[in-house]
Structure formats: structure tokens, C-alpha cells
């Protein structure tokens, strides 16, 4: 607490109280009736004015205390100035995500597991209690670094309809990336840790089922944060098999990536599926724009086995290698 500021506020308050007590003491020693009435009226007026002044000073005192508390807020050393306000509200803030050209521009939190913010908002309230939906808040995978970039920065989030009025806290914007033209116009992801902003260029958009029962006992574990460069080779092959279209943007084992993952039901309500948008860190000197001539549709992209069964088709990937992530 700043005691000099506090003293400056309290001294006038004491002065007002002293003045009131003086008037009242005069009233007690007055004997003349007419004079007594006049003093009563003046005393009442003086007390009323004193109360007004005291209320004003009380508000000033509250402001001083509030500002002093804000000044004493502890921030991580080197935190970006524009993130301080959000961090002061929720210390689980680890970053900020935006996609230029879309409505995506929001805080990213991180819990001790991948469940805490699944249904809680930025203020840690269950969203079902405030909006009747379970949209939660975007959150960084608990295994990812909260200070620097992991090899694979995985951000999870729900999807809600635009009519819900809460698009910025969800991954509704990702749905548009099923359209190649939308990708061409909006190929950049910006992610800021508490200390630095990074630019990623979208290199892949794909669908992936999450249950082994739906795809010949296999789940593509694309949310592994710390793959080695050697292990990335198999990861890249799995991504290429599933891409809805070829983006024309290279992806190498040495690249760091960001993975945005949300629910989707393109294979039906019974197949738990994720829509995944992957960006790789922009190379030094690389343009942020896309060469549209390199963007090609991929009609034969890999689907889960249940899709081929349903459509009476042979799965060309049925006997493909079942890649597993590792840090070695």
C-alpha cells in the first residue's frame, strides 16, 4: 500500500470530523433559544455537507487502494504489455491466437490436464451455467511448453454455431478451411506466447477419427507435442494421406508446427472426428501469401474404415503402416 497517498486522503476526512464535533460542542453550550435554532440548522447543513465530502473522499480512497493493488500485480518477467490485462484476470493465460481475415482473435489458456477448460470459460465458470452450451475456452495441450514453442503446439477447442454469439471462444472459424479458396485468402496463423509472437503458415487441413474401432484399430496421434525430427517423417506422411487438398506449402521434419483441433461430424454423428488445421513456422524471408496455382484438390484423401464400409468402397490405406509418435 502507498501510505503517502493514503495519508493524503485520510487527513481531510479527519478535518471534516473535527469540524463537525466542534459545531456540536458549541450547540451543547448554547442557552439562547433563537440562537439555538440557528445553530441547529447550521449544524445540520454542515453535517450534510460533511457526509457528501466524506463519501467523495471514500471513493477516492477506494480508487487509490484499487490502483495500488493493480500496480503491485505480479507479472512474469518479460511478458508482452498487451497481455498484462488478460493475465491479471487469469494467470493460466499462456498465449493469444488470431487468424487474420477470420473472427478468430482470443486468449489461449492451459490447465493441468486437457479437461479443465473443456467446459470452463476464461473466468473459470462452467459455460453451461451462463450460455447453456459447453463451448469452454481454447486451451493449449497441458504437455506443451507454456513459455516457448514445443515441436508441435497443440491447441484444443470446441466448435459452436455463429448464432451462439460466442464465436471468438470457439473454433468455428476452422470449418471454413474445408474450402480451398478460403485457405488461399487466409493462410496465416499468429500465435503469441506471453513473451513473443510467432507467424505460422497453414500447410495442411485434414479430418481424423479418434476411435480405433472406426479405423482398423488405429488412431493417428497427431496431438503429440515433442516429436523428434526423425519421427516427424512418419507424421508428415500420415498428414499427406489425410489432407483435404494439397496446400502447396512445404512441411519438413525440421519445422515447428501449430495444430488447431476441433470436433466435426462429416463422417456422421456416430464417428468421433476432428477437423485439424496445421500451420508450420514461417521460414525466414518467406512470403505470407499463397501460390494459388499449387493448391490442388485431393478427392482420394484417407478416411476411416467405417466410411469405406458405408460407401461400399475398398480402403487403399487398410494395410498402411500404423505410425506412432515418439520423442526419439
Protein backbone atom coordinates (compact mmCIF):
# COMPACT_ATOMS: atom_id res chain seq x y z
CA UNK A 1 0.00 0.00 0.00
CA UNK A 2 1.22 3.56 -0.78
CA UNK A 3 0.95 5.17 2.68
CA UNK A 4 1.67 8.69 1.43
CA UNK A 5 -1.39 8.51 -0.84
CA UNK A 6 -3.45 7.03 1.97
CA UNK A 7 -2.45 9.83 4.37
CA UNK A 8 -3.32 12.45 1.78
CA UNK A 9 -6.84 11.04 1.59
CA UNK A 10 -7.40 10.47 5.32
CA UNK A 11 -6.22 13.91 6.57
CA UNK A 12 -9.17 15.81 5.01
CA UNK A 13 -11.53 13.20 6.44
CA UNK A 14 -10.21 13.82 9.95
CA UNK A 15 -10.51 17.57 9.41
CA UNK A 16 -14.18 17.22 8.46
CA UNK A 17 -14.93 15.07 11.50
CA UNK A 18 -13.17 17.57 13.79
CA UNK A 19 -15.19 20.45 12.38
CA UNK A 20 -18.45 18.61 12.93
CA UNK A 21 -17.56 17.84 16.53
CA UNK A 22 -16.70 21.50 17.12
CA UNK A 23 -20.10 22.66 15.88
CA UNK A 24 -21.86 20.11 18.07
CA UNK A 25 -19.92 21.21 21.16
CA UNK A 26 -20.97 24.83 20.55
CA UNK A 27 -24.57 23.68 20.32
CA UNK A 28 -24.32 21.98 23.74
CA UNK A 29 -23.21 25.17 25.48
CA UNK A 30 -25.76 27.50 23.84
CA UNK A 31 -28.51 28.86 26.10
CA UNK A 32 -30.41 31.36 23.86
CA UNK A 33 -33.43 29.61 22.17
CA UNK A 34 -33.30 31.64 18.91
CA UNK A 35 -29.59 31.23 18.65
CA UNK A 36 -30.02 27.55 19.45
CA UNK A 37 -32.37 27.07 16.45
CA UNK A 38 -30.00 28.85 14.11
CA UNK A 39 -27.08 26.75 15.29
CA UNK A 40 -29.15 23.56 14.89
CA UNK A 41 -29.91 24.46 11.27
CA UNK A 42 -26.29 25.34 10.53
CA UNK A 43 -25.09 22.18 12.22
CA UNK A 44 -27.47 20.02 10.21
CA UNK A 45 -26.35 21.69 6.96
CA UNK A 46 -22.72 21.31 7.94
CA UNK A 47 -23.15 17.64 8.79
CA UNK A 48 -24.90 17.00 5.43
CA UNK A 49 -22.03 18.68 3.56
CA UNK A 50 -19.54 16.74 5.64
CA UNK A 51 -21.21 13.46 4.68
CA UNK A 52 -21.00 14.39 0.99
CA UNK A 53 -17.33 15.26 1.28
CA UNK A 54 -16.65 12.07 3.24
CA UNK A 55 -18.41 9.94 0.59
CA UNK A 56 -16.32 11.58 -2.11
CA UNK A 57 -13.13 11.01 -0.13
CA UNK A 58 -14.14 7.39 0.49
CA UNK A 59 -14.49 6.86 -3.25
CA UNK A 60 -11.09 8.44 -3.77
CA UNK A 61 -9.62 6.18 -1.10
CA UNK A 62 -11.11 3.10 -2.79
CA UNK A 63 -9.62 4.24 -6.10
CA UNK A 64 -6.19 4.72 -4.53
CA UNK A 65 -6.32 1.26 -2.97
CA UNK A 66 -7.51 -0.34 -6.23
CA UNK A 67 -4.84 1.36 -8.33
CA UNK A 68 -2.19 0.50 -5.79
CA UNK A 69 -3.21 -3.18 -5.87
CA UNK A 70 -3.03 -3.17 -9.68
CA UNK A 71 0.41 -1.61 -9.52
CA UNK A 72 1.53 -4.45 -7.25
CA UNK A 73 0.17 -7.19 -9.61
CA UNK A 74 2.95 -9.69 -10.18
CA UNK A 75 3.66 -10.38 -13.86
CA UNK A 76 6.14 -12.83 -15.38
CA UNK A 77 9.33 -11.01 -16.31
CA UNK A 78 9.28 -10.03 -19.98
CA UNK A 79 5.52 -10.51 -20.50
CA UNK A 80 4.13 -8.65 -23.51
CA UNK A 81 2.42 -5.42 -22.49
CA UNK A 82 -0.79 -6.17 -24.42
CA UNK A 83 -1.30 -9.42 -22.48
CA UNK A 84 -1.00 -7.98 -18.98
CA UNK A 85 -4.67 -7.12 -18.55
CA UNK A 86 -5.84 -10.61 -19.54
CA UNK A 87 -3.11 -12.21 -17.40
CA UNK A 88 -4.19 -10.19 -14.37
CA UNK A 89 -7.65 -11.77 -14.69
CA UNK A 90 -6.49 -15.35 -15.24
CA UNK A 91 -2.91 -16.42 -14.55
CA UNK A 92 -3.50 -19.56 -16.62
CA UNK A 93 -3.17 -17.40 -19.73
CA UNK A 94 -0.31 -18.76 -21.83
CA UNK A 95 -0.89 -17.14 -25.21
CA UNK A 96 -3.06 -15.40 -27.75
CA UNK A 97 -4.31 -16.85 -31.03
CA UNK A 98 -5.51 -14.95 -34.09
CA UNK A 99 -6.17 -15.85 -37.73
CA UNK A 100 -6.13 -12.74 -39.94
CA UNK A 101 -9.22 -12.49 -42.13
CA UNK A 102 -11.38 -14.50 -39.71
CA UNK A 103 -13.19 -13.88 -36.42
CA UNK A 104 -10.51 -15.80 -34.50
CA UNK A 105 -8.78 -13.48 -32.04
CA UNK A 106 -8.77 -14.78 -28.48
CA UNK A 107 -6.91 -15.89 -25.38
CA UNK A 108 -5.38 -19.35 -25.00
CA UNK A 109 -5.30 -20.90 -21.53
CA UNK A 110 -3.59 -24.01 -20.15
CA UNK A 111 -4.71 -26.30 -17.35
CA UNK A 112 -3.04 -29.15 -15.51
CA UNK A 113 -4.82 -31.55 -17.87
CA UNK A 114 -6.83 -31.40 -21.08
CA UNK A 115 -10.19 -31.45 -19.29
CA UNK A 116 -10.19 -28.34 -17.10
CA UNK A 117 -11.01 -25.77 -19.81
CA UNK A 118 -13.03 -28.15 -21.92
CA UNK A 119 -16.21 -26.74 -20.39
CA UNK A 120 -14.94 -23.67 -18.50
CA UNK A 121 -14.63 -20.17 -19.88
CA UNK A 122 -11.87 -17.57 -19.44
CA UNK A 123 -13.26 -16.70 -15.99
CA UNK A 124 -13.22 -20.39 -14.99
CA UNK A 125 -17.01 -20.62 -14.92
CA UNK A 126 -18.79 -23.61 -16.42
CA UNK A 127 -20.16 -22.23 -19.69
CA UNK A 128 -23.28 -24.40 -19.39
CA UNK A 129 -24.29 -22.20 -16.45
CA UNK A 130 -24.01 -18.94 -18.39
CA UNK A 131 -24.85 -19.83 -22.01
CA UNK A 132 -26.44 -23.31 -21.92
CA UNK A 133 -23.59 -24.55 -24.12
CA UNK A 134 -20.34 -26.34 -23.35
CA UNK A 135 -18.03 -24.31 -25.56
CA UNK A 136 -15.33 -23.89 -22.87
CA UNK A 137 -12.24 -21.91 -23.87
CA UNK A 138 -9.37 -22.55 -26.26
CA UNK A 139 -6.55 -24.24 -24.39
CA UNK A 140 -3.00 -25.33 -25.05
CA UNK A 141 -2.33 -29.03 -24.56
CA UNK A 142 -1.06 -29.45 -21.00
CA UNK A 143 2.09 -31.20 -22.28
CA UNK A 144 3.16 -28.24 -24.43
CA UNK A 145 5.59 -25.57 -23.29
CA UNK A 146 3.89 -22.52 -21.80
CA UNK A 147 6.92 -20.28 -22.32
CA UNK A 148 8.43 -21.27 -25.67
CA UNK A 149 7.43 -23.32 -28.72
CA UNK A 150 7.18 -27.08 -28.47
CA UNK A 151 7.81 -29.02 -31.66
CA UNK A 152 4.03 -29.32 -32.02
CA UNK A 153 1.97 -26.60 -30.29
CA UNK A 154 -1.44 -28.27 -29.92
CA UNK A 155 -4.47 -26.07 -29.19
CA UNK A 156 -7.85 -27.68 -28.47
CA UNK A 157 -11.25 -26.04 -28.73
CA UNK A 158 -14.94 -26.70 -29.20
CA UNK A 159 -16.97 -25.64 -32.21
CA UNK A 160 -20.19 -23.65 -31.94
CA UNK A 161 -22.52 -22.13 -34.48
CA UNK A 162 -22.14 -18.42 -35.23
CA UNK A 163 -25.66 -17.86 -33.93
CA UNK A 164 -24.49 -18.78 -30.43
CA UNK A 165 -22.92 -15.35 -30.14
CA UNK A 166 -19.65 -16.74 -28.79
CA UNK A 167 -17.53 -17.47 -31.90
CA UNK A 168 -14.30 -15.99 -30.54
CA UNK A 169 -14.11 -18.56 -27.76
CA UNK A 170 -14.58 -21.46 -30.14
CA UNK A 171 -13.00 -22.93 -33.28
CA UNK A 172 -16.00 -22.22 -35.51
CA UNK A 173 -13.64 -20.38 -37.90
CA UNK A 174 -11.81 -23.62 -38.71
CA UNK A 175 -14.81 -25.08 -40.52
CA UNK A 176 -14.26 -22.63 -43.37
CA UNK A 177 -10.87 -24.19 -44.08
CA UNK A 178 -12.51 -27.14 -45.75
CA UNK A 179 -12.79 -24.73 -48.69
CA UNK A 180 -9.56 -24.28 -50.67
CA UNK A 181 -10.43 -20.72 -51.64
CA UNK A 182 -10.83 -19.72 -48.01
CA UNK A 183 -7.39 -21.14 -47.28
CA UNK A 184 -5.82 -19.24 -50.18
CA UNK A 185 -7.22 -15.95 -48.85
CA UNK A 186 -6.46 -16.64 -45.17
CA UNK A 187 -3.31 -18.80 -44.90
CA UNK A 188 -1.72 -17.28 -41.78
CA UNK A 189 -1.97 -18.14 -38.08
CA UNK A 190 -0.48 -15.83 -35.47
CA UNK A 191 0.28 -17.23 -32.06
CA UNK A 192 1.79 -15.28 -29.22
CA UNK A 193 3.26 -16.75 -26.08
CA UNK A 194 3.45 -14.41 -23.09
CA UNK A 195 6.79 -13.23 -24.46
CA UNK A 196 6.89 -13.37 -28.25
CA UNK A 197 4.63 -13.51 -31.30
CA UNK A 198 5.10 -16.16 -33.99
CA UNK A 199 3.70 -16.48 -37.50
CA UNK A 200 2.68 -19.84 -38.94
CA UNK A 201 1.65 -20.67 -42.49
CA UNK A 202 -1.13 -23.23 -42.88
CA UNK A 203 0.25 -26.32 -44.57
CA UNK A 204 -2.49 -28.92 -44.06
CA UNK A 205 -6.19 -29.31 -43.34
CA UNK A 206 -7.45 -32.81 -42.60
CA UNK A 207 -10.01 -34.98 -40.79
CA UNK A 208 -9.08 -37.72 -38.35
CA UNK A 209 -11.22 -40.18 -36.41
CA UNK A 210 -10.39 -40.57 -32.72
CA UNK A 211 -11.62 -44.11 -32.00
CA UNK A 212 -9.56 -47.13 -33.01
CA UNK A 213 -12.76 -49.13 -33.59
CA UNK A 214 -13.58 -46.89 -36.56
CA UNK A 215 -10.31 -47.34 -38.45
CA UNK A 216 -8.93 -50.86 -38.29
CA UNK A 217 -7.64 -50.48 -34.75
CA UNK A 218 -5.61 -47.35 -35.50
CA UNK A 219 -5.67 -43.79 -34.15
CA UNK A 220 -3.44 -41.13 -35.73
CA UNK A 221 -1.95 -39.41 -32.68
CA UNK A 222 -1.39 -36.00 -34.26
CA UNK A 223 -1.55 -34.20 -30.88
CA UNK A 224 1.85 -35.41 -29.64
CA UNK A 225 3.84 -32.28 -28.68
CA UNK A 226 7.51 -33.32 -28.75
CA UNK A 227 8.17 -35.46 -31.81
CA UNK A 228 11.77 -35.80 -32.90
CA UNK A 229 12.83 -34.79 -36.41
CA UNK A 230 13.25 -38.47 -37.28
CA UNK A 231 9.76 -39.29 -36.04
CA UNK A 232 8.33 -36.31 -37.94
CA UNK A 233 8.91 -38.11 -41.24
CA UNK A 234 6.16 -40.63 -40.46
CA UNK A 235 3.90 -37.88 -39.12
CA UNK A 236 4.20 -35.90 -42.36
CA UNK A 237 3.27 -38.97 -44.40
CA UNK A 238 0.14 -39.51 -42.27
CA UNK A 239 -0.84 -35.86 -42.76
CA UNK A 240 -0.38 -36.04 -46.54
CA UNK A 241 -2.65 -39.10 -46.73
CA UNK A 242 -5.47 -37.23 -44.98
CA UNK A 243 -5.21 -33.71 -46.46
CA UNK A 244 -8.47 -32.47 -47.97
CA UNK A 245 -6.35 -30.64 -50.54
CA UNK A 246 -2.68 -30.04 -51.28
CA UNK A 247 -1.84 -26.58 -49.94
CA UNK A 248 1.40 -26.30 -51.88
CA UNK A 249 3.10 -25.32 -48.61
CA UNK A 250 6.11 -27.45 -47.70
CA UNK A 251 6.39 -29.29 -44.39
CA UNK A 252 9.80 -30.60 -43.34
CA UNK A 253 10.95 -32.64 -40.32
CA UNK A 254 12.92 -29.62 -39.08
CA UNK A 255 9.82 -27.39 -38.96
CA UNK A 256 7.95 -26.44 -35.80
CA UNK A 257 4.18 -26.61 -36.16
CA UNK A 258 0.96 -25.44 -34.57
CA UNK A 259 -2.06 -27.78 -34.52
CA UNK A 260 -5.62 -26.47 -34.10
CA UNK A 261 -8.06 -29.28 -33.35
CA UNK A 262 -11.86 -29.29 -33.01
CA UNK A 263 -14.84 -31.63 -33.31
CA UNK A 264 -16.65 -32.16 -36.61
CA UNK A 265 -19.28 -34.64 -37.85
CA UNK A 266 -18.52 -35.03 -41.56
CA UNK A 267 -18.43 -38.81 -41.14
CA UNK A 268 -21.70 -38.85 -39.17
CA UNK A 269 -22.63 -38.40 -35.52
CA UNK A 270 -21.54 -41.93 -34.65
CA UNK A 271 -17.92 -41.34 -35.73
CA UNK A 272 -15.97 -39.15 -33.31
CA UNK A 273 -13.94 -37.00 -35.69
CA UNK A 274 -11.63 -33.99 -35.52
CA UNK A 275 -11.07 -31.23 -38.03
CA UNK A 276 -7.39 -30.34 -37.87
CA UNK A 277 -5.62 -27.26 -39.23
CA UNK A 278 -1.83 -27.41 -39.15
CA UNK A 279 0.50 -24.46 -39.63
CA UNK A 280 4.27 -24.51 -39.79
CA UNK A 281 6.51 -21.72 -38.57
CA UNK A 282 7.05 -19.19 -41.32
CA UNK A 283 10.51 -19.52 -42.82
CA UNK A 284 12.85 -16.55 -42.73
CA UNK A 285 12.22 -14.31 -45.72
CA UNK A 286 9.15 -16.33 -46.81
CA UNK A 287 6.07 -14.53 -48.12
CA UNK A 288 2.84 -14.85 -46.14
CA UNK A 289 0.81 -15.23 -49.35
CA UNK A 290 -0.07 -18.45 -51.16
CA UNK A 291 0.75 -19.52 -54.72
CA UNK A 292 -2.79 -20.47 -55.76
CA UNK A 293 -1.51 -22.48 -58.73
CA UNK A 294 -0.03 -25.03 -56.30
CA UNK A 295 -3.27 -25.65 -54.40
CA UNK A 296 -4.89 -28.87 -55.63
CA UNK A 297 -7.92 -30.86 -54.58
CA UNK A 298 -7.31 -34.32 -53.07
CA UNK A 299 -10.52 -36.31 -53.65
CA UNK A 300 -8.92 -39.59 -52.56
CA UNK A 301 -7.84 -38.41 -49.14
CA UNK A 302 -7.76 -41.06 -46.43
CA UNK A 303 -10.99 -41.71 -44.49
CA UNK A 304 -11.65 -44.07 -41.57
CA UNK A 305 -12.56 -47.66 -42.43
CA UNK A 306 -16.21 -47.16 -41.41
CA UNK A 307 -16.60 -44.60 -44.22
CA UNK A 308 -15.39 -47.07 -46.86
CA UNK A 309 -17.67 -49.76 -45.46
CA UNK A 310 -20.66 -47.44 -45.55
CA UNK A 311 -19.98 -46.39 -49.14
CA UNK A 312 -19.11 -49.85 -50.44
CA UNK A 313 -15.54 -48.89 -51.34
CA UNK A 314 -12.15 -50.53 -50.84
CA UNK A 315 -9.87 -48.77 -48.39
CA UNK A 316 -6.48 -48.23 -50.13
CA UNK A 317 -4.91 -47.46 -46.75
CA UNK A 318 -6.19 -50.56 -44.95
CA UNK A 319 -2.74 -52.11 -44.65
CA UNK A 320 -0.78 -48.85 -44.35
CA UNK A 321 1.86 -48.52 -41.66
CA UNK A 322 0.42 -47.59 -38.26
CA UNK A 323 2.69 -44.72 -37.33
CA UNK A 324 3.19 -43.95 -33.65
CA UNK A 325 4.73 -40.77 -32.24
CA UNK A 326 7.86 -40.67 -30.15
CA UNK A 327 10.44 -38.18 -28.99
CA UNK A 328 13.35 -40.42 -30.16
